[in-house]
């Protein structure tokens, strides 16, 4: 079996690739909008087993947009067979104005959502 925590790493990587492909890389989000998109919830459902050193192809998409967060659905396939489904809930945040150690949720900019249309 593949070590299950790796899936969370792969889901996050797939999300970053998805955002990069629509022109909203982490760098763009920080430079243009001054926002970060930390994970606030994550889940996984295993449909079929996988083993180490097998090739898994991941497909991801934004499943839903909310005022200050969004949900990314990620599916992992091997030879066309769905192996795993994951979800990440990410919050749109800025550095907290009173405490740089904290983040403050803010509305997701319409321009970010429009990039996925």
N, C-alpha and C. Protein backbone atom coordinates (compact mmCIF):
# COMPACT_ATOMS: atom_id res chain seq x y z
N UNK A 1 0.84 -1.19 0.00
CA UNK A 1 0.00 0.00 0.00
C UNK A 1 0.88 1.25 0.00
N UNK A 2 0.39 2.27 -0.67
CA UNK A 2 1.06 3.56 -0.60
C UNK A 2 0.81 4.14 0.79
N UNK A 3 1.79 4.81 1.32
CA UNK A 3 1.69 5.40 2.66
C UNK A 3 0.65 6.52 2.60
N UNK A 4 -0.44 6.39 3.34
CA UNK A 4 -1.60 7.27 3.17
C UNK A 4 -1.33 8.76 3.35
N UNK A 5 -0.42 9.20 4.24
CA UNK A 5 -0.20 10.66 4.33
C UNK A 5 0.33 11.27 3.02
N UNK A 6 0.94 10.44 2.18
CA UNK A 6 1.43 10.97 0.90
C UNK A 6 0.29 11.53 0.07
N UNK A 7 -0.90 10.95 0.19
CA UNK A 7 -2.03 11.43 -0.60
C UNK A 7 -2.32 12.90 -0.31
N UNK A 8 -2.22 13.31 0.95
CA UNK A 8 -2.48 14.71 1.28
C UNK A 8 -1.45 15.63 0.63
N UNK A 9 -0.21 15.18 0.57
CA UNK A 9 0.82 15.94 -0.13
C UNK A 9 0.47 16.04 -1.62
N UNK A 10 0.06 14.91 -2.21
CA UNK A 10 -0.28 14.89 -3.64
C UNK A 10 -1.51 15.74 -3.93
N UNK A 11 -2.51 15.73 -3.04
CA UNK A 11 -3.68 16.58 -3.23
C UNK A 11 -3.27 18.05 -3.23
N UNK A 12 -2.43 18.43 -2.29
CA UNK A 12 -1.98 19.82 -2.20
C UNK A 12 -1.20 20.21 -3.46
N UNK A 13 -0.33 19.32 -3.91
CA UNK A 13 0.44 19.60 -5.13
C UNK A 13 -0.49 19.76 -6.32
N UNK A 14 -1.52 18.92 -6.42
CA UNK A 14 -2.48 19.02 -7.52
C UNK A 14 -3.24 20.35 -7.46
N UNK A 15 -3.58 20.80 -6.27
CA UNK A 15 -4.25 22.10 -6.12
C UNK A 15 -3.35 23.23 -6.60
N UNK A 16 -2.08 23.19 -6.21
CA UNK A 16 -1.15 24.24 -6.63
C UNK A 16 -0.97 24.23 -8.15
N UNK A 17 -0.90 23.05 -8.75
CA UNK A 17 -0.78 22.95 -10.21
C UNK A 17 -2.04 23.51 -10.88
N UNK A 18 -3.21 23.16 -10.35
CA UNK A 18 -4.48 23.66 -10.88
C UNK A 18 -4.50 25.19 -10.88
N UNK A 19 -4.13 25.81 -9.77
CA UNK A 19 -4.13 27.26 -9.68
C UNK A 19 -3.08 27.87 -10.62
N UNK A 20 -1.93 27.24 -10.72
CA UNK A 20 -0.89 27.72 -11.63
C UNK A 20 -1.38 27.71 -13.08
N UNK A 21 -2.09 26.65 -13.46
CA UNK A 21 -2.56 26.51 -14.85
C UNK A 21 -3.56 27.57 -15.26
N UNK A 22 -4.28 28.15 -14.31
CA UNK A 22 -5.25 29.21 -14.65
C UNK A 22 -4.67 30.60 -14.37
N UNK A 23 -3.36 30.66 -14.12
CA UNK A 23 -2.70 31.95 -13.92
C UNK A 23 -2.81 32.50 -12.52
N UNK A 24 -3.16 31.64 -11.56
CA UNK A 24 -3.32 32.08 -10.17
C UNK A 24 -2.39 31.30 -9.23
N UNK A 25 -1.13 31.24 -9.59
CA UNK A 25 -0.15 30.54 -8.76
C UNK A 25 -0.09 31.19 -7.37
N UNK A 26 0.51 30.51 -6.44
CA UNK A 26 0.66 31.05 -5.08
C UNK A 26 1.36 32.40 -5.14
N UNK A 27 2.36 32.55 -5.99
CA UNK A 27 3.06 33.83 -6.12
C UNK A 27 2.11 34.93 -6.60
N UNK A 28 1.29 34.62 -7.60
CA UNK A 28 0.33 35.61 -8.12
C UNK A 28 -0.68 35.98 -7.04
N UNK A 29 -1.19 34.98 -6.32
CA UNK A 29 -2.15 35.26 -5.25
C UNK A 29 -1.56 36.20 -4.21
N UNK A 30 -0.30 35.98 -3.86
CA UNK A 30 0.33 36.83 -2.85
C UNK A 30 0.66 38.21 -3.40
N UNK A 31 1.19 38.28 -4.62
CA UNK A 31 1.60 39.57 -5.18
C UNK A 31 0.41 40.43 -5.60
N UNK A 32 -0.56 39.84 -6.26
CA UNK A 32 -1.68 40.62 -6.80
C UNK A 32 -2.80 40.85 -5.77
N UNK A 33 -3.04 39.86 -4.93
CA UNK A 33 -4.18 39.94 -4.01
C UNK A 33 -3.78 39.96 -2.53
N UNK A 34 -2.49 39.75 -2.25
CA UNK A 34 -1.98 39.69 -0.87
C UNK A 34 -2.69 38.61 -0.05
N UNK A 35 -3.05 37.49 -0.70
CA UNK A 35 -3.75 36.42 0.01
C UNK A 35 -2.96 35.12 0.02
N UNK A 36 -3.26 34.35 1.03
CA UNK A 36 -2.77 32.97 1.16
C UNK A 36 -3.99 32.07 1.10
N UNK A 37 -3.79 30.78 0.77
CA UNK A 37 -4.92 29.85 0.70
C UNK A 37 -4.62 28.58 1.52
N UNK A 38 -4.53 28.72 2.85
CA UNK A 38 -4.22 27.55 3.68
C UNK A 38 -5.36 26.53 3.71
N UNK A 39 -4.99 25.28 3.90
CA UNK A 39 -5.97 24.20 4.08
C UNK A 39 -6.54 24.31 5.48
N UNK A 40 -7.88 24.29 5.58
CA UNK A 40 -8.53 24.31 6.89
C UNK A 40 -9.27 23.00 7.18
N UNK A 41 -9.42 22.16 6.16
CA UNK A 41 -10.03 20.85 6.34
C UNK A 41 -9.61 19.98 5.15
N UNK A 42 -9.40 18.71 5.40
CA UNK A 42 -9.03 17.79 4.33
C UNK A 42 -9.60 16.42 4.65
N UNK A 43 -10.00 15.72 3.59
CA UNK A 43 -10.52 14.36 3.77
C UNK A 43 -10.10 13.50 2.59
N UNK A 44 -10.15 12.21 2.81
CA UNK A 44 -9.77 11.26 1.77
C UNK A 44 -10.68 10.05 1.85
N UNK A 45 -10.98 9.49 0.70
CA UNK A 45 -11.74 8.24 0.63
C UNK A 45 -11.02 7.32 -0.34
N UNK A 46 -10.67 6.13 0.15
CA UNK A 46 -9.96 5.15 -0.67
C UNK A 46 -10.97 4.20 -1.31
N UNK A 47 -10.91 4.07 -2.62
CA UNK A 47 -11.82 3.20 -3.35
C UNK A 47 -11.18 1.86 -3.67
N UNK A 48 -9.88 1.89 -3.97
CA UNK A 48 -9.14 0.67 -4.31
C UNK A 48 -7.71 0.83 -3.79
N UNK A 49 -7.04 -0.27 -3.49
CA UNK A 49 -5.68 -0.17 -2.97
C UNK A 49 -4.67 0.25 -4.04
N UNK A 50 -3.57 0.79 -3.58
CA UNK A 50 -2.44 1.11 -4.45
C UNK A 50 -1.18 0.68 -3.73
N UNK A 51 -0.14 0.52 -4.51
CA UNK A 51 1.14 0.09 -3.94
C UNK A 51 2.21 1.13 -4.24
N UNK A 52 3.25 1.08 -3.47
CA UNK A 52 4.39 1.96 -3.70
C UNK A 52 4.92 1.74 -5.11
N UNK A 53 5.40 2.80 -5.70
CA UNK A 53 6.00 2.82 -7.04
C UNK A 53 5.00 2.58 -8.18
N UNK A 54 3.71 2.63 -7.91
CA UNK A 54 2.72 2.60 -8.98
C UNK A 54 2.45 4.04 -9.41
N UNK A 55 2.17 4.22 -10.68
CA UNK A 55 1.88 5.56 -11.18
C UNK A 55 0.41 5.87 -10.97
N UNK A 56 0.15 6.99 -10.32
CA UNK A 56 -1.22 7.46 -10.09
C UNK A 56 -1.33 8.83 -10.74
N UNK A 57 -2.38 9.02 -11.53
CA UNK A 57 -2.64 10.30 -12.18
C UNK A 57 -3.73 11.03 -11.39
N UNK A 58 -3.46 12.28 -11.05
CA UNK A 58 -4.42 13.06 -10.27
C UNK A 58 -5.09 14.11 -11.14
N UNK A 59 -6.40 14.24 -10.93
CA UNK A 59 -7.19 15.28 -11.59
C UNK A 59 -7.85 16.08 -10.48
N UNK A 60 -7.78 17.40 -10.59
CA UNK A 60 -8.39 18.23 -9.55
C UNK A 60 -9.20 19.34 -10.19
N UNK A 61 -10.17 19.83 -9.41
CA UNK A 61 -11.03 20.92 -9.86
C UNK A 61 -11.60 21.60 -8.63
N UNK A 62 -11.97 22.86 -8.79
CA UNK A 62 -12.66 23.54 -7.71
C UNK A 62 -14.10 23.05 -7.74
N UNK A 63 -14.50 22.42 -6.66
CA UNK A 63 -15.83 21.84 -6.57
C UNK A 63 -16.89 22.89 -6.20
N UNK A 64 -16.51 23.82 -5.32
CA UNK A 64 -17.45 24.85 -4.91
C UNK A 64 -16.70 26.07 -4.38
N UNK A 65 -17.32 27.23 -4.59
CA UNK A 65 -16.81 28.49 -4.08
C UNK A 65 -17.75 28.98 -2.98
N UNK A 66 -17.20 29.54 -1.95
CA UNK A 66 -17.97 30.14 -0.87
C UNK A 66 -17.43 31.55 -0.67
N UNK A 67 -18.03 32.31 0.22
CA UNK A 67 -17.62 33.70 0.38
C UNK A 67 -16.13 33.84 0.69
N UNK A 68 -15.63 33.07 1.66
CA UNK A 68 -14.23 33.20 2.08
C UNK A 68 -13.44 31.91 1.93
N UNK A 69 -14.02 30.90 1.33
CA UNK A 69 -13.34 29.61 1.18
C UNK A 69 -13.77 28.94 -0.12
N UNK A 70 -13.11 27.85 -0.41
CA UNK A 70 -13.47 27.05 -1.58
C UNK A 70 -13.06 25.60 -1.31
N UNK A 71 -13.69 24.69 -2.03
CA UNK A 71 -13.41 23.27 -1.88
C UNK A 71 -12.83 22.73 -3.18
N UNK A 72 -11.71 22.03 -3.06
CA UNK A 72 -11.07 21.41 -4.22
C UNK A 72 -11.28 19.90 -4.12
N UNK A 73 -11.76 19.32 -5.21
CA UNK A 73 -11.93 17.87 -5.32
C UNK A 73 -10.76 17.32 -6.11
N UNK A 74 -10.15 16.28 -5.61
CA UNK A 74 -9.01 15.67 -6.28
C UNK A 74 -9.27 14.17 -6.40
N UNK A 75 -9.07 13.63 -7.59
CA UNK A 75 -9.27 12.20 -7.82
C UNK A 75 -7.97 11.60 -8.33
N UNK A 76 -7.64 10.43 -7.81
CA UNK A 76 -6.44 9.72 -8.23
C UNK A 76 -6.81 8.46 -9.00
N UNK A 77 -6.21 8.30 -10.18
CA UNK A 77 -6.51 7.17 -11.06
C UNK A 77 -5.26 6.36 -11.38
N UNK A 78 -5.45 5.08 -11.56
CA UNK A 78 -4.40 4.20 -12.10
C UNK A 78 -5.05 3.38 -13.20
N UNK A 79 -4.51 3.47 -14.39
CA UNK A 79 -5.05 2.74 -15.55
C UNK A 79 -6.54 3.01 -15.73
N UNK A 80 -6.96 4.25 -15.53
CA UNK A 80 -8.35 4.64 -15.71
C UNK A 80 -9.29 4.26 -14.58
N UNK A 81 -8.80 3.61 -13.55
CA UNK A 81 -9.62 3.18 -12.41
C UNK A 81 -9.47 4.16 -11.25
N UNK A 82 -10.60 4.66 -10.73
CA UNK A 82 -10.58 5.60 -9.62
C UNK A 82 -10.10 4.89 -8.36
N UNK A 83 -8.98 5.36 -7.81
CA UNK A 83 -8.41 4.76 -6.60
C UNK A 83 -8.76 5.52 -5.34
N UNK A 84 -8.75 6.86 -5.45
CA UNK A 84 -8.87 7.68 -4.26
C UNK A 84 -9.53 9.02 -4.61
N UNK A 85 -10.33 9.51 -3.69
CA UNK A 85 -10.96 10.82 -3.82
C UNK A 85 -10.59 11.64 -2.60
N UNK A 86 -10.15 12.86 -2.83
CA UNK A 86 -9.80 13.73 -1.72
C UNK A 86 -10.45 15.09 -1.87
N UNK A 87 -10.64 15.73 -0.75
CA UNK A 87 -11.18 17.09 -0.74
C UNK A 87 -10.34 17.95 0.19
N UNK A 88 -10.10 19.15 -0.27
CA UNK A 88 -9.44 20.16 0.56
C UNK A 88 -10.36 21.36 0.64
N UNK A 89 -10.58 21.85 1.84
CA UNK A 89 -11.25 23.13 2.01
C UNK A 89 -10.14 24.13 2.32
N UNK A 90 -10.08 25.17 1.51
CA UNK A 90 -9.05 26.19 1.67
C UNK A 90 -9.72 27.53 1.95
N UNK A 91 -9.11 28.27 2.82
CA UNK A 91 -9.62 29.58 3.21
C UNK A 91 -8.78 30.65 2.51
N UNK A 92 -9.41 31.70 2.07
CA UNK A 92 -8.72 32.85 1.51
C UNK A 92 -8.40 33.79 2.67
N UNK A 93 -7.12 34.06 2.90
CA UNK A 93 -6.70 34.82 4.08
C UNK A 93 -5.65 35.87 3.74
N UNK A 94 -5.59 36.86 4.61
CA UNK A 94 -4.52 37.86 4.57
C UNK A 94 -3.83 37.82 5.93
N UNK A 95 -2.61 38.34 6.02
CA UNK A 95 -1.98 38.45 7.34
C UNK A 95 -2.87 39.30 8.25
N UNK A 96 -3.04 38.87 9.46
CA UNK A 96 -3.89 39.62 10.41
C UNK A 96 -3.24 40.97 10.68
N UNK A 97 -4.00 42.05 10.58
CA UNK A 97 -3.41 43.39 10.75
C UNK A 97 -2.88 43.67 12.16
N UNK A 98 -3.38 42.96 13.16
CA UNK A 98 -2.95 43.21 14.54
C UNK A 98 -1.95 42.19 15.07
N UNK A 99 -1.83 41.06 14.37
CA UNK A 99 -0.95 39.99 14.85
C UNK A 99 -0.39 39.23 13.65
N UNK A 100 0.88 39.47 13.29
CA UNK A 100 1.45 38.84 12.10
C UNK A 100 1.55 37.31 12.19
N UNK A 101 1.35 36.75 13.37
CA UNK A 101 1.37 35.30 13.53
C UNK A 101 0.04 34.66 13.16
N UNK A 102 -0.99 35.48 12.96
CA UNK A 102 -2.33 34.97 12.65
C UNK A 102 -2.73 35.36 11.23
N UNK A 103 -3.77 34.69 10.75
CA UNK A 103 -4.34 35.03 9.45
C UNK A 103 -5.78 35.49 9.65
N UNK A 104 -6.25 36.31 8.72
CA UNK A 104 -7.61 36.81 8.78
C UNK A 104 -8.33 36.40 7.49
N UNK A 105 -9.44 35.66 7.61
CA UNK A 105 -10.20 35.30 6.41
C UNK A 105 -10.77 36.53 5.71
N UNK A 106 -10.74 36.50 4.39
CA UNK A 106 -11.29 37.58 3.57
C UNK A 106 -12.08 36.96 2.42
N UNK A 107 -12.98 37.73 1.83
CA UNK A 107 -13.73 37.20 0.68
C UNK A 107 -12.79 36.81 -0.46
N UNK A 108 -13.16 35.75 -1.15
CA UNK A 108 -12.41 35.33 -2.34
C UNK A 108 -12.68 36.36 -3.43
N UNK A 109 -11.62 36.90 -4.01
CA UNK A 109 -11.77 37.91 -5.08
C UNK A 109 -12.48 37.29 -6.29
N UNK A 110 -13.38 38.05 -6.87
CA UNK A 110 -14.11 37.59 -8.05
C UNK A 110 -13.16 37.22 -9.17
N UNK A 111 -12.07 37.96 -9.31
CA UNK A 111 -11.08 37.68 -10.36
C UNK A 111 -10.47 36.29 -10.20
N UNK A 112 -10.29 35.85 -8.96
CA UNK A 112 -9.75 34.50 -8.73
C UNK A 112 -10.77 33.47 -9.21
N UNK A 113 -12.03 33.64 -8.81
CA UNK A 113 -13.07 32.69 -9.23
C UNK A 113 -13.25 32.70 -10.75
N UNK A 114 -13.20 33.87 -11.35
CA UNK A 114 -13.39 33.98 -12.80
C UNK A 114 -12.29 33.26 -13.58
N UNK A 115 -11.11 33.14 -13.01
CA UNK A 115 -10.00 32.46 -13.69
C UNK A 115 -10.33 30.99 -13.95
N UNK A 116 -11.27 30.44 -13.22
CA UNK A 116 -11.61 29.02 -13.36
C UNK A 116 -12.79 28.77 -14.29
N UNK A 117 -13.33 29.83 -14.90
CA UNK A 117 -14.47 29.67 -15.81
C UNK A 117 -14.01 29.29 -17.19
